[in-house]
Structure formats: structure tokens, C-alpha cells
C-alpha atoms as a PDB file:
ATOM      1  CA  UNK A   1    -135.677 211.134-141.598  1.00  0.00           C
ATOM      2  CA  UNK A   2    -137.242 208.632-144.013  1.00  0.00           C
ATOM      3  CA  UNK A   3    -139.879 206.409-142.387  1.00  0.00           C
ATOM      4  CA  UNK A   4    -139.970 202.995-144.059  1.00  0.00           C
ATOM      5  CA  UNK A   5    -143.441 201.485-143.679  1.00  0.00           C
ATOM      6  CA  UNK A   6    -144.003 197.747-143.403  1.00  0.00           C
ATOM      7  CA  UNK A   7    -146.372 197.786-146.357  1.00  0.00           C
ATOM      8  CA  UNK A   8    -147.486 195.955-149.457  1.00  0.00           C
ATOM      9  CA  UNK A   9    -147.007 197.900-152.679  1.00  0.00           C
ATOM     10  CA  UNK A  10    -148.243 197.205-156.194  1.00  0.00           C
ATOM     11  CA  UNK A  11    -146.338 197.393-158.429  1.00  0.00           C
ATOM     12  CA  UNK A  12    -143.164 196.763-156.464  1.00  0.00           C
ATOM     13  CA  UNK A  13    -140.218 199.080-157.031  1.00  0.00           C
ATOM     14  CA  UNK A  14    -138.379 196.304-158.864  1.00  0.00           C
ATOM     15  CA  UNK A  15    -141.377 195.817-161.171  1.00  0.00           C
ATOM     16  CA  UNK A  16    -141.861 199.505-162.006  1.00  0.00           C
ATOM     17  CA  UNK A  17    -138.148 199.951-162.680  1.00  0.00           C
ATOM     18  CA  UNK A  18    -138.094 196.831-164.874  1.00  0.00           C
ATOM     19  CA  UNK A  19    -140.878 198.336-167.012  1.00  0.00           C
ATOM     20  CA  UNK A  20    -139.522 201.898-167.152  1.00  0.00           C
ATOM     21  CA  UNK A  21    -135.707 201.785-167.218  1.00  0.00           C
ATOM     22  CA  UNK A  22    -135.389 199.898-170.550  1.00  0.00           C
ATOM     23  CA  UNK A  23    -137.497 202.586-172.262  1.00  0.00           C
ATOM     24  CA  UNK A  24    -134.974 205.326-171.380  1.00  0.00           C
ATOM     25  CA  UNK A  25    -132.064 206.363-173.620  1.00  0.00           C
ATOM     26  CA  UNK A  26    -129.590 205.403-170.881  1.00  0.00           C
ATOM     27  CA  UNK A  27    -131.395 202.205-169.862  1.00  0.00           C
ATOM     28  CA  UNK A  28    -131.089 198.572-170.802  1.00  0.00           C
ATOM     29  CA  UNK A  29    -132.818 195.259-170.223  1.00  0.00           C
ATOM     30  CA  UNK A  30    -131.899 192.881-167.433  1.00  0.00           C
ATOM     31  CA  UNK A  31    -130.740 194.251-164.079  1.00  0.00           C
ATOM     32  CA  UNK A  32    -130.985 193.770-160.348  1.00  0.00           C
ATOM     33  CA  UNK A  33    -131.401 196.318-157.564  1.00  0.00           C
ATOM     34  CA  UNK A  34    -127.986 196.881-156.021  1.00  0.00           C
ATOM     35  CA  UNK A  35    -128.950 199.451-153.384  1.00  0.00           C
ATOM     36  CA  UNK A  36    -130.652 202.773-152.723  1.00  0.00           C
ATOM     37  CA  UNK A  37    -130.289 206.047-150.848  1.00  0.00           C
ATOM     38  CA  UNK A  38    -132.832 208.631-149.708  1.00  0.00           C
ATOM     39  CA  UNK A  39    -133.042 212.370-149.114  1.00  0.00           C
ATOM     40  CA  UNK A  40    -135.470 214.295-146.898  1.00  0.00           C
ATOM     41  CA  UNK A  41    -138.090 216.647-148.287  1.00  0.00           C
ATOM     42  CA  UNK A  42    -137.999 219.546-145.771  1.00  0.00           C
ATOM     43  CA  UNK A  43    -141.807 219.755-145.978  1.00  0.00           C
ATOM     44  CA  UNK A  44    -142.231 216.030-145.392  1.00  0.00           C
ATOM     45  CA  UNK A  45    -144.574 215.583-148.355  1.00  0.00           C
ATOM     46  CA  UNK A  46    -142.482 213.933-151.077  1.00  0.00           C
ATOM     47  CA  UNK A  47    -140.532 210.703-150.799  1.00  0.00           C
ATOM     48  CA  UNK A  48    -137.131 210.878-152.514  1.00  0.00           C
ATOM     49  CA  UNK A  49    -135.276 207.645-153.235  1.00  0.00           C
ATOM     50  CA  UNK A  50    -132.530 206.846-155.735  1.00  0.00           C
ATOM     51  CA  UNK A  51    -131.938 203.270-156.877  1.00  0.00           C
ATOM     52  CA  UNK A  52    -128.601 201.929-158.081  1.00  0.00           C
ATOM     53  CA  UNK A  53    -128.910 199.050-160.525  1.00  0.00           C
ATOM     54  CA  UNK A  54    -126.423 196.430-161.680  1.00  0.00           C
ATOM     55  CA  UNK A  55    -127.092 195.215-165.221  1.00  0.00           C
ATOM     56  CA  UNK A  56    -126.536 191.836-166.792  1.00  0.00           C
ATOM     57  CA  UNK A  57    -124.043 193.550-169.108  1.00  0.00           C
ATOM     58  CA  UNK A  58    -121.883 194.653-166.192  1.00  0.00           C
ATOM     59  CA  UNK A  59    -122.995 198.295-166.086  1.00  0.00           C
ATOM     60  CA  UNK A  60    -124.202 200.435-163.183  1.00  0.00           C
ATOM     61  CA  UNK A  61    -127.302 202.588-163.627  1.00  0.00           C
ATOM     62  CA  UNK A  62    -128.882 205.242-161.402  1.00  0.00           C
ATOM     63  CA  UNK A  63    -132.620 205.949-161.186  1.00  0.00           C
ATOM     64  CA  UNK A  64    -133.834 208.733-158.830  1.00  0.00           C
ATOM     65  CA  UNK A  65    -137.572 208.550-158.058  1.00  0.00           C
ATOM     66  CA  UNK A  66    -140.021 210.728-156.159  1.00  0.00           C
ATOM     67  CA  UNK A  67    -143.139 209.380-154.475  1.00  0.00           C
ATOM     68  CA  UNK A  68    -146.114 211.748-154.187  1.00  0.00           C
ATOM     69  CA  UNK A  69    -149.582 211.567-152.664  1.00  0.00           C
ATOM     70  CA  UNK A  70    -151.118 213.543-155.564  1.00  0.00           C
ATOM     71  CA  UNK A  71    -150.197 214.276-159.193  1.00  0.00           C
ATOM     72  CA  UNK A  72    -147.519 216.901-159.860  1.00  0.00           C
ATOM     73  CA  UNK A  73    -148.922 219.614-162.128  1.00  0.00           C
ATOM     74  CA  UNK A  74    -147.179 219.899-165.480  1.00  0.00           C
ATOM     75  CA  UNK A  75    -145.047 216.789-164.975  1.00  0.00           C
ATOM     76  CA  UNK A  76    -146.949 214.159-166.973  1.00  0.00           C
ATOM     77  CA  UNK A  77    -143.849 213.534-169.092  1.00  0.00           C
ATOM     78  CA  UNK A  78    -141.985 212.407-165.965  1.00  0.00           C
ATOM     79  CA  UNK A  79    -144.762 210.222-164.509  1.00  0.00           C
ATOM     80  CA  UNK A  80    -143.663 206.584-164.405  1.00  0.00           C
ATOM     81  CA  UNK A  81    -146.764 204.976-162.902  1.00  0.00           C
ATOM     82  CA  UNK A  82    -149.140 205.002-159.964  1.00  0.00           C
ATOM     83  CA  UNK A  83    -148.580 202.652-157.039  1.00  0.00           C
ATOM     84  CA  UNK A  84    -151.022 201.234-154.510  1.00  0.00           C
ATOM     85  CA  UNK A  85    -149.476 201.410-151.025  1.00  0.00           C
ATOM     86  CA  UNK A  86    -151.217 199.503-148.229  1.00  0.00           C
ATOM     87  CA  UNK A  87    -150.443 202.258-145.670  1.00  0.00           C
ATOM     88  CA  UNK A  88    -150.288 205.496-147.681  1.00  0.00           C
ATOM     89  CA  UNK A  89    -152.819 204.707-150.413  1.00  0.00           C
ATOM     90  CA  UNK A  90    -152.295 205.668-154.034  1.00  0.00           C
ATOM     91  CA  UNK A  91    -148.882 207.122-154.834  1.00  0.00           C
ATOM     92  CA  UNK A  92    -147.722 208.873-158.016  1.00  0.00           C
ATOM     93  CA  UNK A  93    -144.190 207.810-158.960  1.00  0.00           C
ATOM     94  CA  UNK A  94    -142.034 210.241-160.957  1.00  0.00           C
ATOM     95  CA  UNK A  95    -138.644 210.343-162.583  1.00  0.00           C
ATOM     96  CA  UNK A  96    -137.172 212.663-159.953  1.00  0.00           C
ATOM     97  CA  UNK A  97    -135.175 214.692-162.461  1.00  0.00           C
ATOM     98  CA  UNK A  98    -138.411 216.448-163.427  1.00  0.00           C
ATOM     99  CA  UNK A  99    -139.550 217.091-159.859  1.00  0.00           C
ATOM    100  CA  UNK A 100    -138.761 220.544-158.374  1.00  0.00           C
ATOM    101  CA  UNK A 101    -138.640 219.142-154.815  1.00  0.00           C
ATOM    102  CA  UNK A 102    -135.898 216.715-155.816  1.00  0.00           C
ATOM    103  CA  UNK A 103    -134.093 219.523-157.635  1.00  0.00           C
ATOM    104  CA  UNK A 104    -134.047 221.771-154.575  1.00  0.00           C
ATOM    105  CA  UNK A 105    -132.972 218.985-152.230  1.00  0.00           C
ATOM    106  CA  UNK A 106    -130.204 217.786-154.549  1.00  0.00           C
ATOM    107  CA  UNK A 107    -128.956 221.360-154.932  1.00  0.00           C
ATOM    108  CA  UNK A 108    -128.708 221.646-151.140  1.00  0.00           C
ATOM    109  CA  UNK A 109    -126.717 218.402-151.030  1.00  0.00           C
ATOM    110  CA  UNK A 110    -124.315 219.477-153.778  1.00  0.00           C
ATOM    111  CA  UNK A 111    -123.842 223.100-152.723  1.00  0.00           C
ATOM    112  CA  UNK A 112    -124.382 223.050-148.963  1.00  0.00           C
ATOM    113  CA  UNK A 113    -123.426 219.489-148.059  1.00  0.00           C
ATOM    114  CA  UNK A 114    -126.857 218.405-146.761  1.00  0.00           C
ATOM    115  CA  UNK A 115    -126.891 214.802-145.524  1.00  0.00           C
ATOM    116  CA  UNK A 116    -128.771 211.820-146.851  1.00  0.00           C
ATOM    117  CA  UNK A 117    -131.847 210.808-144.860  1.00  0.00           C
ATOM    118  CA  UNK A 118    -131.718 208.470-141.905  1.00  0.00           C
ATOM    119  CA  UNK A 119    -133.832 205.396-142.691  1.00  0.00           C
ATOM    120  CA  UNK A 120    -136.155 204.340-139.880  1.00  0.00           C
ATOM    121  CA  UNK A 121    -138.128 201.138-140.389  1.00  0.00           C
ATOM    122  CA  UNK A 122    -141.597 201.386-138.858  1.00  0.00           C
ATOM    123  CA  UNK A 123    -141.478 200.018-135.311  1.00  0.00           C
ATOM    124  CA  UNK A 124    -137.700 200.404-134.942  1.00  0.00           C
ATOM    125  CA  UNK A 125    -135.943 202.785-132.558  1.00  0.00           C
ATOM    126  CA  UNK A 126    -132.719 203.313-134.503  1.00  0.00           C
ATOM    127  CA  UNK A 127    -131.869 204.004-138.162  1.00  0.00           C
ATOM    128  CA  UNK A 128    -130.919 201.077-140.349  1.00  0.00           C
ATOM    129  CA  UNK A 129    -127.706 201.130-142.339  1.00  0.00           C
ATOM    130  CA  UNK A 130    -128.463 202.360-145.888  1.00  0.00           C
ATOM    131  CA  UNK A 131    -127.391 200.084-148.724  1.00  0.00           C
ATOM    132  CA  UNK A 132    -125.738 203.090-150.441  1.00  0.00           C
ATOM    133  CA  UNK A 133    -123.846 205.826-148.560  1.00  0.00           C
ATOM    134  CA  UNK A 134    -123.618 209.213-150.303  1.00  0.00           C
ATOM    135  CA  UNK A 135    -121.654 212.400-149.632  1.00  0.00           C
ATOM    136  CA  UNK A 136    -122.157 215.889-151.033  1.00  0.00           C
ATOM    137  CA  UNK A 137    -119.027 218.005-151.333  1.00  0.00           C
ATOM    138  CA  UNK A 138    -120.735 221.312-150.538  1.00  0.00           C
ATOM    139  CA  UNK A 139    -119.941 223.813-147.794  1.00  0.00           C
ATOM    140  CA  UNK A 140    -122.625 224.041-145.092  1.00  0.00           C
ATOM    141  CA  UNK A 141    -122.155 227.815-144.948  1.00  0.00           C
ATOM    142  CA  UNK A 142    -123.042 228.209-148.626  1.00  0.00           C
ATOM    143  CA  UNK A 143    -126.484 229.494-149.583  1.00  0.00           C
ATOM    144  CA  UNK A 144    -128.597 227.693-152.171  1.00  0.00           C
ATOM    145  CA  UNK A 145    -130.297 230.045-154.687  1.00  0.00           C
ATOM    146  CA  UNK A 146    -134.113 229.993-154.972  1.00  0.00           C
ATOM    147  CA  UNK A 147    -135.096 227.208-157.377  1.00  0.00           C
ATOM    148  CA  UNK A 148    -138.706 226.909-158.519  1.00  0.00           C
ATOM    149  CA  UNK A 149    -138.577 225.575-162.071  1.00  0.00           C
ATOM    150  CA  UNK A 150    -136.830 222.537-163.490  1.00  0.00           C
ATOM    151  CA  UNK A 151    -136.351 221.170-166.994  1.00  0.00           C
ATOM    152  CA  UNK A 152    -134.490 217.981-167.801  1.00  0.00           C
ATOM    153  CA  UNK A 153    -133.055 216.310-170.884  1.00  0.00           C
ATOM    154  CA  UNK A 154    -131.235 212.997-171.170  1.00  0.00           C
ATOM    155  CA  UNK A 155    -128.674 211.418-173.458  1.00  0.00           C
ATOM    156  CA  UNK A 156    -127.164 207.925-173.436  1.00  0.00           C
ATOM    157  CA  UNK A 157    -125.373 208.378-170.108  1.00  0.00           C
ATOM    158  CA  UNK A 158    -126.580 211.486-168.222  1.00  0.00           C
ATOM    159  CA  UNK A 159    -129.536 213.740-167.479  1.00  0.00           C
ATOM    160  CA  UNK A 160    -129.011 217.510-167.441  1.00  0.00           C
ATOM    161  CA  UNK A 161    -131.266 219.443-165.054  1.00  0.00           C
ATOM    162  CA  UNK A 162    -131.683 223.192-165.669  1.00  0.00           C
ATOM    163  CA  UNK A 163    -132.937 224.880-162.479  1.00  0.00           C
ATOM    164  CA  UNK A 164    -134.590 228.304-162.784  1.00  0.00           C
ATOM    165  CA  UNK A 165    -131.739 229.518-164.996  1.00  0.00           C
ATOM    166  CA  UNK A 166    -129.573 229.649-161.855  1.00  0.00           C
ATOM    167  CA  UNK A 167    -128.016 226.177-161.694  1.00  0.00           C
ATOM    168  CA  UNK A 168    -127.212 223.225-163.947  1.00  0.00           C
ATOM    169  CA  UNK A 169    -126.905 219.754-162.414  1.00  0.00           C
ATOM    170  CA  UNK A 170    -125.788 216.615-164.219  1.00  0.00           C
ATOM    171  CA  UNK A 171    -127.178 213.282-163.018  1.00  0.00           C
ATOM    172  CA  UNK A 172    -124.955 210.362-163.979  1.00  0.00           C
ATOM    173  CA  UNK A 173    -127.327 207.689-165.259  1.00  0.00           C
ATOM    174  CA  UNK A 174    -124.585 205.262-166.288  1.00  0.00           C
ATOM    175  CA  UNK A 175    -122.055 205.214-163.476  1.00  0.00           C
ATOM    176  CA  UNK A 176    -118.315 205.005-164.089  1.00  0.00           C
ATOM    177  CA  UNK A 177    -116.437 203.112-161.384  1.00  0.00           C
ATOM    178  CA  UNK A 178    -113.329 205.282-161.759  1.00  0.00           C
ATOM    179  CA  UNK A 179    -114.804 208.709-162.673  1.00  0.00           C
ATOM    180  CA  UNK A 180    -112.750 211.613-161.333  1.00  0.00           C
ATOM    181  CA  UNK A 181    -114.227 214.467-159.294  1.00  0.00           C
ATOM    182  CA  UNK A 182    -111.129 216.662-159.439  1.00  0.00           C
ATOM    183  CA  UNK A 183    -112.452 219.049-162.114  1.00  0.00           C
ATOM    184  CA  UNK A 184    -115.993 219.352-160.717  1.00  0.00           C
ATOM    185  CA  UNK A 185    -117.204 222.349-158.702  1.00  0.00           C
ATOM    186  CA  UNK A 186    -119.593 220.397-156.479  1.00  0.00           C
ATOM    187  CA  UNK A 187    -120.217 216.658-156.464  1.00  0.00           C
ATOM    188  CA  UNK A 188    -122.271 213.825-155.020  1.00  0.00           C
ATOM    189  CA  UNK A 189    -120.430 210.530-154.617  1.00  0.00           C
ATOM    190  CA  UNK A 190    -121.579 207.147-153.354  1.00  0.00           C
ATOM    191  CA  UNK A 191    -120.163 203.973-151.879  1.00  0.00           C
ATOM    192  CA  UNK A 192    -121.488 200.483-151.270  1.00  0.00           C
ATOM    193  CA  UNK A 193    -119.949 197.091-150.460  1.00  0.00           C
ATOM    194  CA  UNK A 194    -117.551 195.818-153.112  1.00  0.00           C
ATOM    195  CA  UNK A 195    -116.417 199.209-154.435  1.00  0.00           C
ATOM    196  CA  UNK A 196    -112.739 200.160-154.478  1.00  0.00           C
ATOM    197  CA  UNK A 197    -113.455 203.922-154.507  1.00  0.00           C
ATOM    198  CA  UNK A 198    -116.482 206.270-154.346  1.00  0.00           C
ATOM    199  CA  UNK A 199    -118.528 206.578-157.549  1.00  0.00           C
ATOM    200  CA  UNK A 200    -119.549 209.937-159.019  1.00  0.00           C
ATOM    201  CA  UNK A 201    -123.370 210.239-158.949  1.00  0.00           C
ATOM    202  CA  UNK A 202    -124.073 213.902-159.768  1.00  0.00           C
ATOM    203  CA  UNK A 203    -122.304 217.240-160.113  1.00  0.00           C
ATOM    204  CA  UNK A 204    -122.843 220.923-160.816  1.00  0.00           C
ATOM    205  CA  UNK A 205    -122.089 221.695-164.466  1.00  0.00           C
END
């Protein structure tokens, strides 16, 4: 479950993405936030949220972030900024592709079909409808190998995550509206209003 606090944050998510995304190989200037989806950290320490962006040029981009209450050792290259949160205090915001918690959670979604997080707004009794619905193709009986280390490298359209030498995951940074999943071993797909078919978000390479 992801608890959504009624809080003031500085910078806002739109502001930090506007500063960071254009500096990436796959990024570009001028976009709006189209939607987002969240996953649960089993230990309840790290916030995991992925933003889907619609650009002025007609492209779709994907930006997974992790939100932490303290710096992540050895991950300075993936640090985007710090955020002041009126409820949680200072937060360290990372490109999630370099965060081992995100890596392990995404692996469990892809391989074992773990669900996206329910989103509970503070003070509400029932989950709100997420702006992006995602589905992992994995089998819930499948075991996920131990994953402790992650390295990531990006090109103009994807980020490749190498996990402890045991698993390779591709994050689609530029999303193709009609990408096929037929030749992929394990996939994550997403839907949101206005789509004709699910979009490929990530897969096991």
C-alpha cells in the first residue's frame, strides 16, 4: 500500500522532472505529467513511483523514481535532488534504475507477477484509482533470485539494468504505442485513458 500524504513538497515532482529529464540521453524539453504508478517496498522504507510523460513532440517518456529518507550509499550518480516534504522531512530522490530496492521489486513484478501498490490518500478509507494501471506477466509460483547489486546504463530509448549477474531488465524510457510483447520472456505493460492497447514498459532481456 502506498500512503499519499496531503503535504507540501519543494521542489514539486513536476519541477524536479522538468530539470532532470532533459539532461538524460532519452529525454527532451517540454512535457506534461500524463500519469503515474507505484510499487510497494516490502520493508516500507522506500517510496517507488514511476511517472509517464507526454512530450510536446508527441512522444511518451517513462521516469521511475525512488524516494528515500536518507542518502543511498554509492548511488550519487543516480541522485536527482533532495526534496523538502512537509510531513516526512527531507527526502533524497533517485533515478530508480540505480536503486537496488527498485530493482528487486521490479524483478518480482516481472517474474512473479507482483501487483502495483494500492494508493491510499491520507484520511481516505479506500484506494484511489491510479492514473496508470500496470500488469506484470510473471507467474506467482516463480521464485525471484537474490538480487543485491545493480548497475544501469542508458541509450537514446532504454535503460539496461544488470542485477547481480543473475538478471537483465530493460526499462523502456521512450514508449512505443504499438510495441509487441510476443517475443519477450517477462514483461510489464501499462494502460491509461486514451490508449488503444497496453504499452510495453519493461521486460527481461
